Structures are given as structure tokens and as C-alpha cells.
């Protein structure tokens, strides 16, 4: 999943996507351990997707990537100095 698509998800959808991706990763690791699959590339992709989802969730929690309205007052404060 692309980063822009992840950013457009709601908080509930983010949590659901993270849970789903983590389950896929678990199953794939299990298959690799049993020798049924050589999914090294897919494991890497799933780990990256989980990291991106967690990053977006944390940014929202901290208010780093807020709405455009939140960024405008901060720019005016810098210009006033």
C-alpha cells in the first residue's frame, strides 16, 4: 500500500489495516519456517507497510501532520519574529 493511501485512511481503518498486515506477516513467517514458501521479498514489504502505518498513526497522535489550518498559524508566527 502506498504512503498516500495510508495517510488518507481514518484512524479506525489504520488500526484494522495494521492488524490485517500483522496477521499476514505472521502467516508468511510461519510458512517460511515450515519451508513451504520463500517469501523474503513479501516479508520485507509487509514489515515496511506496518512501519509506515505505525508512523502515520504516531504522527497523528503527536499532531505533526495535522490539517492545513494547523500549519498556517505556525508559519505566521515564524514570519512575525
PDB file of N, CA and C in Angstrom:
ATOM      1  N   UNK A   1       0.845  -1.170   0.000  1.00  0.00           N
ATOM      2  CA  UNK A   1       0.000   0.000   0.000  1.00  0.00           C
ATOM      3  C   UNK A   1       0.897   1.242   0.000  1.00  0.00           C
ATOM      4  N   UNK A   2       0.526   2.222  -0.789  1.00  0.00           N
ATOM      5  CA  UNK A   2       1.329   3.433  -0.897  1.00  0.00           C
ATOM      6  C   UNK A   2       1.118   4.331   0.312  1.00  0.00           C
ATOM      7  N   UNK A   3       2.102   5.161   0.596  1.00  0.00           N
ATOM      8  CA  UNK A   3       2.067   6.026   1.763  1.00  0.00           C
ATOM      9  C   UNK A   3       0.902   7.013   1.702  1.00  0.00           C
ATOM     10  N   UNK A   4       0.612   7.551   0.530  1.00  0.00           N
ATOM     11  CA  UNK A   4      -0.501   8.497   0.408  1.00  0.00           C
ATOM     12  C   UNK A   4      -1.833   7.815   0.720  1.00  0.00           C
ATOM     13  N   UNK A   5      -1.983   6.573   0.308  1.00  0.00           N
ATOM     14  CA  UNK A   5      -3.202   5.832   0.617  1.00  0.00           C
ATOM     15  C   UNK A   5      -3.311   5.599   2.118  1.00  0.00           C
ATOM     16  N   UNK A   6      -2.186   5.306   2.756  1.00  0.00           N
ATOM     17  CA  UNK A   6      -2.173   5.096   4.200  1.00  0.00           C
ATOM     18  C   UNK A   6      -2.561   6.384   4.916  1.00  0.00           C
ATOM     19  N   UNK A   7      -2.027   7.519   4.455  1.00  0.00           N
ATOM     20  CA  UNK A   7      -2.340   8.804   5.082  1.00  0.00           C
ATOM     21  C   UNK A   7      -3.817   9.174   4.944  1.00  0.00           C
ATOM     22  N   UNK A   8      -4.486   8.697   3.902  1.00  0.00           N
ATOM     23  CA  UNK A   8      -5.890   9.025   3.678  1.00  0.00           C
ATOM     24  C   UNK A   8      -6.852   8.146   4.472  1.00  0.00           C
ATOM     25  N   UNK A   9      -6.344   7.118   5.148  1.00  0.00           N
ATOM     26  CA  UNK A   9      -7.202   6.242   5.936  1.00  0.00           C
ATOM     27  C   UNK A   9      -7.577   6.910   7.255  1.00  0.00           C
ATOM     28  N   UNK A  10      -8.738   6.544   7.782  1.00  0.00           N
ATOM     29  CA  UNK A  10      -9.137   7.046   9.098  1.00  0.00           C
ATOM     30  C   UNK A  10      -8.371   6.271  10.173  1.00  0.00           C
ATOM     31  N   UNK A  11      -8.482   6.715  11.405  1.00  0.00           N
ATOM     32  CA  UNK A  11      -7.773   6.049  12.498  1.00  0.00           C
ATOM     33  C   UNK A  11      -8.236   4.608  12.671  1.00  0.00           C
ATOM     34  N   UNK A  12      -9.534   4.375  12.531  1.00  0.00           N
ATOM     35  CA  UNK A  12     -10.059   3.017  12.662  1.00  0.00           C
ATOM     36  C   UNK A  12      -9.561   2.131  11.519  1.00  0.00           C
ATOM     37  N   UNK A  13      -9.543   2.689  10.320  1.00  0.00           N
ATOM     38  CA  UNK A  13      -9.050   1.935   9.169  1.00  0.00           C
ATOM     39  C   UNK A  13      -7.559   1.643   9.302  1.00  0.00           C
ATOM     40  N   UNK A  14      -6.817   2.583   9.881  1.00  0.00           N
ATOM     41  CA  UNK A  14      -5.386   2.354  10.120  1.00  0.00           C
ATOM     42  C   UNK A  14      -5.183   1.180  11.067  1.00  0.00           C
ATOM     43  N   UNK A  15      -5.943   1.162  12.155  1.00  0.00           N
ATOM     44  CA  UNK A  15      -5.815   0.082  13.129  1.00  0.00           C
ATOM     45  C   UNK A  15      -6.177  -1.259  12.497  1.00  0.00           C
ATOM     46  N   UNK A  16      -7.231  -1.273  11.696  1.00  0.00           N
ATOM     47  CA  UNK A  16      -7.643  -2.509  11.027  1.00  0.00           C
ATOM     48  C   UNK A  16      -6.572  -2.966  10.026  1.00  0.00           C
ATOM     49  N   UNK A  17      -6.027  -2.029   9.268  1.00  0.00           N
ATOM     50  CA  UNK A  17      -5.002  -2.362   8.276  1.00  0.00           C
ATOM     51  C   UNK A  17      -3.744  -2.891   8.958  1.00  0.00           C
ATOM     52  N   UNK A  18      -3.383  -2.291  10.092  1.00  0.00           N
ATOM     53  CA  UNK A  18      -2.207  -2.751  10.822  1.00  0.00           C
ATOM     54  C   UNK A  18      -2.421  -4.178  11.331  1.00  0.00           C
ATOM     55  N   UNK A  19      -3.603  -4.452  11.858  1.00  0.00           N
ATOM     56  CA  UNK A  19      -3.903  -5.789  12.367  1.00  0.00           C
ATOM     57  C   UNK A  19      -3.874  -6.814  11.236  1.00  0.00           C
ATOM     58  N   UNK A  20      -4.479  -6.475  10.112  1.00  0.00           N
ATOM     59  CA  UNK A  20      -4.526  -7.378   8.963  1.00  0.00           C
ATOM     60  C   UNK A  20      -3.129  -7.667   8.427  1.00  0.00           C
ATOM     61  N   UNK A  21      -2.322  -6.629   8.308  1.00  0.00           N
ATOM     62  CA  UNK A  21      -0.966  -6.789   7.791  1.00  0.00           C
ATOM     63  C   UNK A  21      -0.110  -7.615   8.743  1.00  0.00           C
ATOM     64  N   UNK A  22      -0.276  -7.395  10.043  1.00  0.00           N
ATOM     65  CA  UNK A  22       0.480  -8.171  11.029  1.00  0.00           C
ATOM     66  C   UNK A  22       0.105  -9.649  10.966  1.00  0.00           C
ATOM     67  N   UNK A  23      -1.176  -9.940  10.753  1.00  0.00           N
ATOM     68  CA  UNK A  23      -1.599 -11.338  10.609  1.00  0.00           C
ATOM     69  C   UNK A  23      -1.001 -11.969   9.357  1.00  0.00           C
ATOM     70  N   UNK A  24      -0.974 -11.219   8.245  1.00  0.00           N
ATOM     71  CA  UNK A  24      -0.370 -11.725   7.016  1.00  0.00           C
ATOM     72  C   UNK A  24       1.105 -12.029   7.235  1.00  0.00           C
ATOM     73  N   UNK A  25       1.791 -11.128   7.934  1.00  0.00           N
ATOM     74  CA  UNK A  25       3.215 -11.306   8.207  1.00  0.00           C
ATOM     75  C   UNK A  25       3.439 -12.555   9.061  1.00  0.00           C
ATOM     76  N   UNK A  26       2.611 -12.736  10.065  1.00  0.00           N
ATOM     77  CA  UNK A  26       2.729 -13.916  10.922  1.00  0.00           C
ATOM     78  C   UNK A  26       2.576 -15.197  10.117  1.00  0.00           C
ATOM     79  N   UNK A  27       1.540 -15.249   9.291  1.00  0.00           N
ATOM     80  CA  UNK A  27       1.287 -16.451   8.492  1.00  0.00           C
ATOM     81  C   UNK A  27       2.431 -16.718   7.511  1.00  0.00           C
ATOM     82  N   UNK A  28       2.931 -15.659   6.904  1.00  0.00           N
ATOM     83  CA  UNK A  28       4.019 -15.817   5.943  1.00  0.00           C
ATOM     84  C   UNK A  28       5.298 -16.296   6.631  1.00  0.00           C
ATOM     85  N   UNK A  29       5.598 -15.744   7.809  1.00  0.00           N
ATOM     86  CA  UNK A  29       6.773 -16.201   8.559  1.00  0.00           C
ATOM     87  C   UNK A  29       6.631 -17.672   8.947  1.00  0.00           C
ATOM     88  N   UNK A  30       5.428 -18.043   9.311  1.00  0.00           N
ATOM     89  CA  UNK A  30       5.162 -19.437   9.681  1.00  0.00           C
ATOM     90  C   UNK A  30       5.413 -20.350   8.489  1.00  0.00           C
ATOM     91  N   UNK A  31       4.928 -19.964   7.308  1.00  0.00           N
ATOM     92  CA  UNK A  31       5.133 -20.764   6.096  1.00  0.00           C
ATOM     93  C   UNK A  31       6.608 -20.862   5.740  1.00  0.00           C
ATOM     94  N   UNK A  32       7.346 -19.762   5.898  1.00  0.00           N
ATOM     95  CA  UNK A  32       8.779 -19.781   5.601  1.00  0.00           C
ATOM     96  C   UNK A  32       9.495 -20.717   6.571  1.00  0.00           C
ATOM     97  N   UNK A  33       9.104 -20.691   7.839  1.00  0.00           N
ATOM     98  CA  UNK A  33       9.737 -21.558   8.836  1.00  0.00           C
ATOM     99  C   UNK A  33       9.478 -23.034   8.528  1.00  0.00           C
ATOM    100  N   UNK A  34       8.313 -23.320   7.968  1.00  0.00           N
ATOM    101  CA  UNK A  34       7.993 -24.706   7.618  1.00  0.00           C
ATOM    102  C   UNK A  34       8.571 -25.112   6.268  1.00  0.00           C
ATOM    103  N   UNK A  35       9.139 -24.158   5.547  1.00  0.00           N
ATOM    104  CA  UNK A  35       9.732 -24.457   4.258  1.00  0.00           C
ATOM    105  C   UNK A  35       8.729 -24.500   3.129  1.00  0.00           C
ATOM    106  N   UNK A  36       7.527 -24.017   3.357  1.00  0.00           N
ATOM    107  CA  UNK A  36       6.500 -24.053   2.327  1.00  0.00           C
ATOM    108  C   UNK A  36       6.581 -22.854   1.384  1.00  0.00           C
ATOM    109  N   UNK A  37       7.325 -21.825   1.776  1.00  0.00           N
ATOM    110  CA  UNK A  37       7.320 -20.585   0.996  1.00  0.00           C
ATOM    111  C   UNK A  37       8.681 -19.901   1.116  1.00  0.00           C
ATOM    112  N   UNK A  38       9.106 -19.270   0.055  1.00  0.00           N
ATOM    113  CA  UNK A  38      10.317 -18.449   0.079  1.00  0.00           C
ATOM    114  C   UNK A  38       9.905 -17.002  -0.143  1.00  0.00           C
ATOM    115  N   UNK A  39       9.187 -16.428   0.815  1.00  0.00           N
ATOM    116  CA  UNK A  39       8.600 -15.098   0.666  1.00  0.00           C
ATOM    117  C   UNK A  39       9.399 -14.000   1.314  1.00  0.00           C
ATOM    118  N   UNK A  40      10.699 -13.976   1.089  1.00  0.00           N
ATOM    119  CA  UNK A  40      11.544 -12.973   1.728  1.00  0.00           C
ATOM    120  C   UNK A  40      11.158 -11.563   1.271  1.00  0.00           C
ATOM    121  N   UNK A  41      10.893 -11.402   0.004  1.00  0.00           N
ATOM    122  CA  UNK A  41      10.524 -10.081  -0.519  1.00  0.00           C
ATOM    123  C   UNK A  41       9.190  -9.628   0.053  1.00  0.00           C
ATOM    124  N   UNK A  42       8.237 -10.534   0.144  1.00  0.00           N
ATOM    125  CA  UNK A  42       6.917 -10.194   0.684  1.00  0.00           C
ATOM    126  C   UNK A  42       7.013  -9.851   2.170  1.00  0.00           C
ATOM    127  N   UNK A  43       7.870 -10.554   2.905  1.00  0.00           N
ATOM    128  CA  UNK A  43       8.074 -10.249   4.325  1.00  0.00           C
ATOM    129  C   UNK A  43       8.596  -8.827   4.470  1.00  0.00           C
ATOM    130  N   UNK A  44       9.547  -8.465   3.644  1.00  0.00           N
ATOM    131  CA  UNK A  44      10.114  -7.114   3.679  1.00  0.00           C
ATOM    132  C   UNK A  44       9.043  -6.066   3.399  1.00  0.00           C
ATOM    133  N   UNK A  45       8.183  -6.318   2.416  1.00  0.00           N
ATOM    134  CA  UNK A  45       7.115  -5.382   2.071  1.00  0.00           C
ATOM    135  C   UNK A  45       6.115  -5.230   3.212  1.00  0.00           C
ATOM    136  N   UNK A  46       5.751  -6.340   3.833  1.00  0.00           N
ATOM    137  CA  UNK A  46       4.794  -6.285   4.936  1.00  0.00           C
ATOM    138  C   UNK A  46       5.368  -5.545   6.136  1.00  0.00           C
ATOM    139  N   UNK A  47       6.639  -5.786   6.436  1.00  0.00           N
ATOM    140  CA  UNK A  47       7.275  -5.074   7.548  1.00  0.00           C
ATOM    141  C   UNK A  47       7.328  -3.574   7.286  1.00  0.00           C
ATOM    142  N   UNK A  48       7.624  -3.203   6.057  1.00  0.00           N
ATOM    143  CA  UNK A  48       7.670  -1.786   5.680  1.00  0.00           C
ATOM    144  C   UNK A  48       6.281  -1.153   5.807  1.00  0.00           C
ATOM    145  N   UNK A  49       5.252  -1.881   5.367  1.00  0.00           N
ATOM    146  CA  UNK A  49       3.885  -1.361   5.440  1.00  0.00           C
ATOM    147  C   UNK A  49       3.451  -1.161   6.896  1.00  0.00           C
ATOM    148  N   UNK A  50       3.783  -2.112   7.763  1.00  0.00           N
ATOM    149  CA  UNK A  50       3.458  -1.974   9.186  1.00  0.00           C
ATOM    150  C   UNK A  50       4.168  -0.760   9.772  1.00  0.00           C
ATOM    151  N   UNK A  51       5.424  -0.566   9.419  1.00  0.00           N
ATOM    152  CA  UNK A  51       6.177   0.589   9.917  1.00  0.00           C
ATOM    153  C   UNK A  51       5.559   1.898   9.436  1.00  0.00           C
ATOM    154  N   UNK A  52       5.124   1.945   8.191  1.00  0.00           N
ATOM    155  CA  UNK A  52       4.501   3.161   7.662  1.00  0.00           C
ATOM    156  C   UNK A  52       3.182   3.445   8.371  1.00  0.00           C
ATOM    157  N   UNK A  53       2.400   2.414   8.616  1.00  0.00           N
ATOM    158  CA  UNK A  53       1.124   2.582   9.313  1.00  0.00           C
ATOM    159  C   UNK A  53       1.365   3.104  10.724  1.00  0.00           C
ATOM    160  N   UNK A  54       2.329   2.519  11.422  1.00  0.00           N
ATOM    161  CA  UNK A  54       2.628   2.963  12.784  1.00  0.00           C
ATOM    162  C   UNK A  54       3.151   4.393  12.797  1.00  0.00           C
ATOM    163  N   UNK A  55       3.937   4.761  11.788  1.00  0.00           N
ATOM    164  CA  UNK A  55       4.467   6.113  11.702  1.00  0.00           C
ATOM    165  C   UNK A  55       3.354   7.126  11.498  1.00  0.00           C
ATOM    166  N   UNK A  56       2.430   6.838  10.599  1.00  0.00           N
ATOM    167  CA  UNK A  56       1.311   7.746  10.338  1.00  0.00           C
ATOM    168  C   UNK A  56       0.440   7.873  11.586  1.00  0.00           C
ATOM    169  N   UNK A  57       0.184   6.759  12.273  1.00  0.00           N
ATOM    170  CA  UNK A  57      -0.623   6.793  13.494  1.00  0.00           C
ATOM    171  C   UNK A  57       0.057   7.649  14.562  1.00  0.00           C
ATOM    172  N   UNK A  58       1.357   7.518  14.701  1.00  0.00           N
ATOM    173  CA  UNK A  58       2.095   8.293  15.708  1.00  0.00           C
ATOM    174  C   UNK A  58       2.131   9.776  15.340  1.00  0.00           C
ATOM    175  N   UNK A  59       2.283  10.077  14.054  1.00  0.00           N
ATOM    176  CA  UNK A  59       2.250  11.477  13.612  1.00  0.00           C
ATOM    177  C   UNK A  59       0.919  12.119  13.962  1.00  0.00           C
ATOM    178  N   UNK A  60      -0.160  11.377  13.755  1.00  0.00           N
ATOM    179  CA  UNK A  60      -1.485  11.903  14.088  1.00  0.00           C
ATOM    180  C   UNK A  60      -1.626  12.102  15.587  1.00  0.00           C
ATOM    181  N   UNK A  61      -1.085  11.160  16.346  1.00  0.00           N
ATOM    182  CA  UNK A  61      -1.154  11.236  17.799  1.00  0.00           C
ATOM    183  C   UNK A  61      -0.426  12.474  18.321  1.00  0.00           C
ATOM    184  N   UNK A  62       0.719  12.764  17.729  1.00  0.00           N
ATOM    185  CA  UNK A  62       1.520  13.910  18.152  1.00  0.00           C
ATOM    186  C   UNK A  62       1.085  15.211  17.483  1.00  0.00           C
ATOM    187  N   UNK A  63       0.259  15.105  16.456  1.00  0.00           N
ATOM    188  CA  UNK A  63      -0.191  16.295  15.750  1.00  0.00           C
ATOM    189  C   UNK A  63       0.850  16.859  14.807  1.00  0.00           C
ATOM    190  N   UNK A  64       1.789  16.043  14.373  1.00  0.00           N
ATOM    191  CA  UNK A  64       2.847  16.502  13.475  1.00  0.00           C
ATOM    192  C   UNK A  64       2.308  16.775  12.085  1.00  0.00           C
ATOM    193  N   UNK A  65       1.548  15.863  11.567  1.00  0.00           N
ATOM    194  CA  UNK A  65       0.975  16.007  10.230  1.00  0.00           C
ATOM    195  C   UNK A  65      -0.505  16.317  10.375  1.00  0.00           C
ATOM    196  N   UNK A  66      -0.810  17.483  10.903  1.00  0.00           N
ATOM    197  CA  UNK A  66      -2.198  17.865  11.106  1.00  0.00           C
ATOM    198  C   UNK A  66      -2.807  18.427   9.854  1.00  0.00           C
ATOM    199  N   UNK A  67      -3.934  19.076  10.024  1.00  0.00           N
ATOM    200  CA  UNK A  67      -4.618  19.686   8.906  1.00  0.00           C
ATOM    201  C   UNK A  67      -3.853  20.913   8.435  1.00  0.00           C
ATOM    202  N   UNK A  68      -4.206  21.396   7.264  1.00  0.00           N
ATOM    203  CA  UNK A  68      -3.540  22.562   6.687  1.00  0.00           C
ATOM    204  C   UNK A  68      -3.768  23.792   7.558  1.00  0.00           C
ATOM    205  N   UNK A  69      -4.923  23.892   8.192  1.00  0.00           N
ATOM    206  CA  UNK A  69      -5.235  25.041   9.048  1.00  0.00           C
ATOM    207  C   UNK A  69      -4.292  25.132  10.242  1.00  0.00           C
ATOM    208  N   UNK A  70      -3.840  23.999  10.748  1.00  0.00           N
ATOM    209  CA  UNK A  70      -2.917  23.996  11.878  1.00  0.00           C
ATOM    210  C   UNK A  70      -1.540  24.502  11.485  1.00  0.00           C
ATOM    211  N   UNK A  71      -1.134  24.269  10.243  1.00  0.00           N
ATOM    212  CA  UNK A  71       0.209  24.661   9.798  1.00  0.00           C
ATOM    213  C   UNK A  71       0.273  26.163   9.516  1.00  0.00           C
ATOM    214  N   UNK A  72      -0.817  26.799   9.122  1.00  0.00           N
ATOM    215  CA  UNK A  72      -0.794  28.210   8.750  1.00  0.00           C
ATOM    216  C   UNK A  72      -0.423  29.138   9.901  1.00  0.00           C
ATOM    217  N   UNK A  73      -0.983  28.982  11.116  1.00  0.00           N
ATOM    218  CA  UNK A  73      -0.598  29.875  12.218  1.00  0.00           C
ATOM    219  C   UNK A  73       0.874  29.736  12.596  1.00  0.00           C
ATOM    220  N   UNK A  74       1.440  28.544  12.482  1.00  0.00           N
ATOM    221  CA  UNK A  74       2.834  28.355  12.826  1.00  0.00           C
ATOM    222  C   UNK A  74       3.735  29.129  11.856  1.00  0.00           C
ATOM    223  N   UNK A  75       3.346  29.214  10.594  1.00  0.00           N
ATOM    224  CA  UNK A  75       4.136  29.951   9.622  1.00  0.00           C
ATOM    225  C   UNK A  75       4.051  31.455   9.872  1.00  0.00           C
ATOM    226  N   UNK A  76       2.900  31.927  10.288  1.00  0.00           N
ATOM    227  CA  UNK A  76       2.764  33.360  10.554  1.00  0.00           C
ATOM    228  C   UNK A  76       3.550  33.766  11.780  1.00  0.00           C
ATOM    229  N   UNK A  77       3.669  32.859  12.768  1.00  0.00           N
ATOM    230  CA  UNK A  77       4.466  33.155  13.953  1.00  0.00           C
ATOM    231  C   UNK A  77       5.933  33.281  13.588  1.00  0.00           C
ATOM    232  N   UNK A  78       6.424  32.433  12.691  1.00  0.00           N
ATOM    233  CA  UNK A  78       7.820  32.496  12.299  1.00  0.00           C
ATOM    234  C   UNK A  78       8.099  33.794  11.555  1.00  0.00           C
ATOM    235  N   UNK A  79       7.150  34.233  10.734  1.00  0.00           N
ATOM    236  CA  UNK A  79       7.336  35.453   9.964  1.00  0.00           C
ATOM    237  C   UNK A  79       7.280  36.695  10.830  1.00  0.00           C
ATOM    238  N   UNK A  80       6.635  36.638  11.992  1.00  0.00           N
ATOM    239  CA  UNK A  80       6.490  37.801  12.859  1.00  0.00           C
ATOM    240  C   UNK A  80       7.756  38.077  13.649  1.00  0.00           C
ATOM    241  N   UNK A  81       8.623  37.128  13.750  1.00  0.00           N
ATOM    242  CA  UNK A  81       9.851  37.301  14.566  1.00  0.00           C
ATOM    243  C   UNK A  81      10.797  38.213  13.917  1.00  0.00           C
TER     244      UNK A  81
END
